[in-house]
C-alpha atoms as a PDB file:
ATOM      1  CA  UNK A   1    -114.489 123.031   4.309  1.00  0.00           C
ATOM      2  CA  UNK A   2    -112.191 126.027   3.753  1.00  0.00           C
ATOM      3  CA  UNK A   3    -115.020 128.472   3.059  1.00  0.00           C
ATOM      4  CA  UNK A   4    -114.657 132.234   3.013  1.00  0.00           C
ATOM      5  CA  UNK A   5    -114.784 134.243   6.205  1.00  0.00           C
ATOM      6  CA  UNK A   6    -118.348 134.666   7.540  1.00  0.00           C
ATOM      7  CA  UNK A   7    -119.721 138.183   7.953  1.00  0.00           C
ATOM      8  CA  UNK A   8    -119.156 140.171  11.159  1.00  0.00           C
ATOM      9  CA  UNK A   9    -122.557 139.424  12.722  1.00  0.00           C
ATOM     10  CA  UNK A  10    -122.200 135.699  12.102  1.00  0.00           C
ATOM     11  CA  UNK A  11    -118.713 135.703  13.632  1.00  0.00           C
ATOM     12  CA  UNK A  12    -119.834 137.531  16.779  1.00  0.00           C
ATOM     13  CA  UNK A  13    -122.701 135.042  17.198  1.00  0.00           C
ATOM     14  CA  UNK A  14    -120.709 131.876  16.536  1.00  0.00           C
ATOM     15  CA  UNK A  15    -117.379 132.620  18.247  1.00  0.00           C
ATOM     16  CA  UNK A  16    -116.916 133.200  21.949  1.00  0.00           C
ATOM     17  CA  UNK A  17    -115.206 136.433  23.013  1.00  0.00           C
ATOM     18  CA  UNK A  18    -111.711 134.927  23.237  1.00  0.00           C
ATOM     19  CA  UNK A  19    -112.002 133.224  19.839  1.00  0.00           C
ATOM     20  CA  UNK A  20    -113.177 136.488  18.313  1.00  0.00           C
ATOM     21  CA  UNK A  21    -110.427 138.580  19.940  1.00  0.00           C
ATOM     22  CA  UNK A  22    -107.690 136.135  18.905  1.00  0.00           C
ATOM     23  CA  UNK A  23    -108.787 135.486  15.319  1.00  0.00           C
ATOM     24  CA  UNK A  24    -110.097 138.939  14.392  1.00  0.00           C
ATOM     25  CA  UNK A  25    -108.087 141.338  16.594  1.00  0.00           C
ATOM     26  CA  UNK A  26    -104.807 139.390  16.776  1.00  0.00           C
ATOM     27  CA  UNK A  27    -104.942 138.903  20.538  1.00  0.00           C
ATOM     28  CA  UNK A  28    -102.959 136.168  22.263  1.00  0.00           C
ATOM     29  CA  UNK A  29    -104.430 133.832  24.851  1.00  0.00           C
ATOM     30  CA  UNK A  30    -102.547 133.455  28.112  1.00  0.00           C
ATOM     31  CA  UNK A  31    -100.001 130.605  28.085  1.00  0.00           C
ATOM     32  CA  UNK A  32    -101.059 127.202  29.439  1.00  0.00           C
ATOM     33  CA  UNK A  33    -104.767 128.161  29.408  1.00  0.00           C
ATOM     34  CA  UNK A  34    -105.828 126.958  25.950  1.00  0.00           C
ATOM     35  CA  UNK A  35    -107.929 123.868  25.359  1.00  0.00           C
ATOM     36  CA  UNK A  36    -105.433 122.244  22.977  1.00  0.00           C
ATOM     37  CA  UNK A  37    -102.136 122.828  24.831  1.00  0.00           C
ATOM     38  CA  UNK A  38    -102.081 119.279  26.242  1.00  0.00           C
ATOM     39  CA  UNK A  39    -104.534 117.696  23.766  1.00  0.00           C
ATOM     40  CA  UNK A  40    -103.347 114.215  22.755  1.00  0.00           C
ATOM     41  CA  UNK A  41    -106.065 112.879  20.435  1.00  0.00           C
ATOM     42  CA  UNK A  42    -105.333 111.934  16.824  1.00  0.00           C
ATOM     43  CA  UNK A  43    -106.917 114.152  14.227  1.00  0.00           C
ATOM     44  CA  UNK A  44    -106.838 117.477  12.433  1.00  0.00           C
ATOM     45  CA  UNK A  45    -106.722 120.970  13.879  1.00  0.00           C
ATOM     46  CA  UNK A  46    -108.923 123.312  11.838  1.00  0.00           C
ATOM     47  CA  UNK A  47    -109.513 127.045  11.675  1.00  0.00           C
ATOM     48  CA  UNK A  48    -112.268 127.928  14.155  1.00  0.00           C
ATOM     49  CA  UNK A  49    -113.585 130.568  11.725  1.00  0.00           C
ATOM     50  CA  UNK A  50    -113.808 128.685   8.414  1.00  0.00           C
ATOM     51  CA  UNK A  51    -112.970 125.044   9.293  1.00  0.00           C
ATOM     52  CA  UNK A  52    -110.036 124.931   6.887  1.00  0.00           C
ATOM     53  CA  UNK A  53    -107.684 122.048   7.867  1.00  0.00           C
ATOM     54  CA  UNK A  54    -104.455 123.535   9.230  1.00  0.00           C
ATOM     55  CA  UNK A  55    -102.372 121.087  11.279  1.00  0.00           C
ATOM     56  CA  UNK A  56    -102.179 117.350  11.950  1.00  0.00           C
ATOM     57  CA  UNK A  57    -101.807 115.878  15.428  1.00  0.00           C
ATOM     58  CA  UNK A  58     -98.850 113.963  13.951  1.00  0.00           C
ATOM     59  CA  UNK A  59     -96.938 117.257  13.708  1.00  0.00           C
ATOM     60  CA  UNK A  60     -97.826 118.539  17.189  1.00  0.00           C
ATOM     61  CA  UNK A  61     -95.240 118.521  19.970  1.00  0.00           C
ATOM     62  CA  UNK A  62     -94.771 119.891  23.485  1.00  0.00           C
ATOM     63  CA  UNK A  63     -92.577 122.964  23.126  1.00  0.00           C
ATOM     64  CA  UNK A  64     -93.043 124.000  26.744  1.00  0.00           C
ATOM     65  CA  UNK A  65     -94.223 127.421  25.523  1.00  0.00           C
ATOM     66  CA  UNK A  66     -97.785 127.117  26.836  1.00  0.00           C
ATOM     67  CA  UNK A  67     -99.413 127.118  23.380  1.00  0.00           C
ATOM     68  CA  UNK A  68    -100.087 124.274  20.950  1.00  0.00           C
ATOM     69  CA  UNK A  69     -96.977 123.901  18.814  1.00  0.00           C
ATOM     70  CA  UNK A  70     -96.522 122.221  15.456  1.00  0.00           C
ATOM     71  CA  UNK A  71     -93.397 121.686  13.379  1.00  0.00           C
ATOM     72  CA  UNK A  72     -95.277 121.575  10.052  1.00  0.00           C
ATOM     73  CA  UNK A  73     -98.654 122.733   8.708  1.00  0.00           C
ATOM     74  CA  UNK A  74    -100.959 120.123   7.177  1.00  0.00           C
ATOM     75  CA  UNK A  75    -100.406 121.634   3.738  1.00  0.00           C
ATOM     76  CA  UNK A  76     -98.098 124.551   3.050  1.00  0.00           C
ATOM     77  CA  UNK A  77    -100.786 126.577   1.336  1.00  0.00           C
ATOM     78  CA  UNK A  78    -103.325 126.252   4.199  1.00  0.00           C
ATOM     79  CA  UNK A  79    -101.488 128.840   6.271  1.00  0.00           C
ATOM     80  CA  UNK A  80    -100.077 132.201   5.260  1.00  0.00           C
ATOM     81  CA  UNK A  81     -97.098 133.910   6.880  1.00  0.00           C
ATOM     82  CA  UNK A  82     -96.842 137.693   7.180  1.00  0.00           C
ATOM     83  CA  UNK A  83     -94.332 139.953   8.889  1.00  0.00           C
ATOM     84  CA  UNK A  84     -95.625 141.276  12.241  1.00  0.00           C
ATOM     85  CA  UNK A  85     -93.975 144.386  13.708  1.00  0.00           C
ATOM     86  CA  UNK A  86     -96.464 144.957  16.538  1.00  0.00           C
ATOM     87  CA  UNK A  87     -95.478 145.411  20.191  1.00  0.00           C
ATOM     88  CA  UNK A  88     -91.977 146.593  19.261  1.00  0.00           C
ATOM     89  CA  UNK A  89     -90.978 143.172  17.909  1.00  0.00           C
ATOM     90  CA  UNK A  90     -90.367 141.656  14.501  1.00  0.00           C
ATOM     91  CA  UNK A  91     -92.122 138.302  14.184  1.00  0.00           C
ATOM     92  CA  UNK A  92     -93.729 136.085  11.593  1.00  0.00           C
ATOM     93  CA  UNK A  93     -97.511 135.959  11.992  1.00  0.00           C
ATOM     94  CA  UNK A  94     -99.382 132.771  11.046  1.00  0.00           C
ATOM     95  CA  UNK A  95    -102.769 133.312   9.390  1.00  0.00           C
ATOM     96  CA  UNK A  96    -105.408 131.011   7.924  1.00  0.00           C
ATOM     97  CA  UNK A  97    -104.902 131.238   4.164  1.00  0.00           C
ATOM     98  CA  UNK A  98    -108.627 130.739   3.518  1.00  0.00           C
ATOM     99  CA  UNK A  99    -110.152 133.427   5.735  1.00  0.00           C
ATOM    100  CA  UNK A 100    -107.252 135.467   7.116  1.00  0.00           C
ATOM    101  CA  UNK A 101    -107.890 134.587  10.775  1.00  0.00           C
ATOM    102  CA  UNK A 102    -104.944 135.209  13.101  1.00  0.00           C
ATOM    103  CA  UNK A 103    -103.624 131.874  14.364  1.00  0.00           C
ATOM    104  CA  UNK A 104    -100.336 132.661  16.112  1.00  0.00           C
ATOM    105  CA  UNK A 105     -96.662 133.113  15.232  1.00  0.00           C
ATOM    106  CA  UNK A 106     -93.850 131.167  13.585  1.00  0.00           C
ATOM    107  CA  UNK A 107     -90.458 130.784  15.268  1.00  0.00           C
ATOM    108  CA  UNK A 108     -87.242 129.109  14.119  1.00  0.00           C
ATOM    109  CA  UNK A 109     -86.611 127.153  17.323  1.00  0.00           C
ATOM    110  CA  UNK A 110     -88.586 123.998  16.554  1.00  0.00           C
ATOM    111  CA  UNK A 111     -87.537 120.371  16.247  1.00  0.00           C
ATOM    112  CA  UNK A 112     -86.108 118.587  13.237  1.00  0.00           C
ATOM    113  CA  UNK A 113     -86.773 118.085  10.401  1.00  0.00           C
ATOM    114  CA  UNK A 114     -88.067 121.651   9.839  1.00  0.00           C
ATOM    115  CA  UNK A 115     -86.578 123.554  12.789  1.00  0.00           C
ATOM    116  CA  UNK A 116     -89.842 125.510  12.876  1.00  0.00           C
ATOM    117  CA  UNK A 117     -92.339 126.095  15.673  1.00  0.00           C
ATOM    118  CA  UNK A 118     -95.827 127.141  14.657  1.00  0.00           C
ATOM    119  CA  UNK A 119     -96.987 128.574  18.000  1.00  0.00           C
ATOM    120  CA  UNK A 120    -100.776 128.615  17.689  1.00  0.00           C
ATOM    121  CA  UNK A 121    -103.538 129.936  19.955  1.00  0.00           C
ATOM    122  CA  UNK A 122    -106.008 127.217  20.996  1.00  0.00           C
ATOM    123  CA  UNK A 123    -108.778 129.804  20.602  1.00  0.00           C
ATOM    124  CA  UNK A 124    -108.093 129.930  16.850  1.00  0.00           C
ATOM    125  CA  UNK A 125    -108.504 126.166  16.469  1.00  0.00           C
ATOM    126  CA  UNK A 126    -111.221 123.558  16.237  1.00  0.00           C
ATOM    127  CA  UNK A 127    -110.431 119.839  16.302  1.00  0.00           C
ATOM    128  CA  UNK A 128    -111.718 116.980  14.151  1.00  0.00           C
ATOM    129  CA  UNK A 129    -110.951 113.565  15.577  1.00  0.00           C
ATOM    130  CA  UNK A 130    -109.539 110.919  13.228  1.00  0.00           C
ATOM    131  CA  UNK A 131    -111.999 108.297  12.032  1.00  0.00           C
ATOM    132  CA  UNK A 132    -109.519 105.496  12.817  1.00  0.00           C
ATOM    133  CA  UNK A 133    -111.656 103.804  15.474  1.00  0.00           C
END
């Protein structure tokens, strides 16, 4: 879909409190509590706010971090990376390129071939199962 960000009232109605806090206020869910940490189904992880496709299950791996981790986004232009200097740290924030929702952070300790770990909050994701039945 990849539509623009819905208005504030629509977001507060459609998203639960954790989804809203994570995507709109850059909160982080507690490790090992998210719905998609151990999710094994084949399909596409989408932005919970605008349904833009972000990551494929083919690029998901168990990093042991407690958050869903991916070594590659579905398409490079579906996510945006910005410098994050909050909490006394310097990190790379991962955002939905379509609506600007906070997704998580990018680290350079992932597996080959990219060496990257997109550490993403489950609360920022929706999942669309593959149609390969």
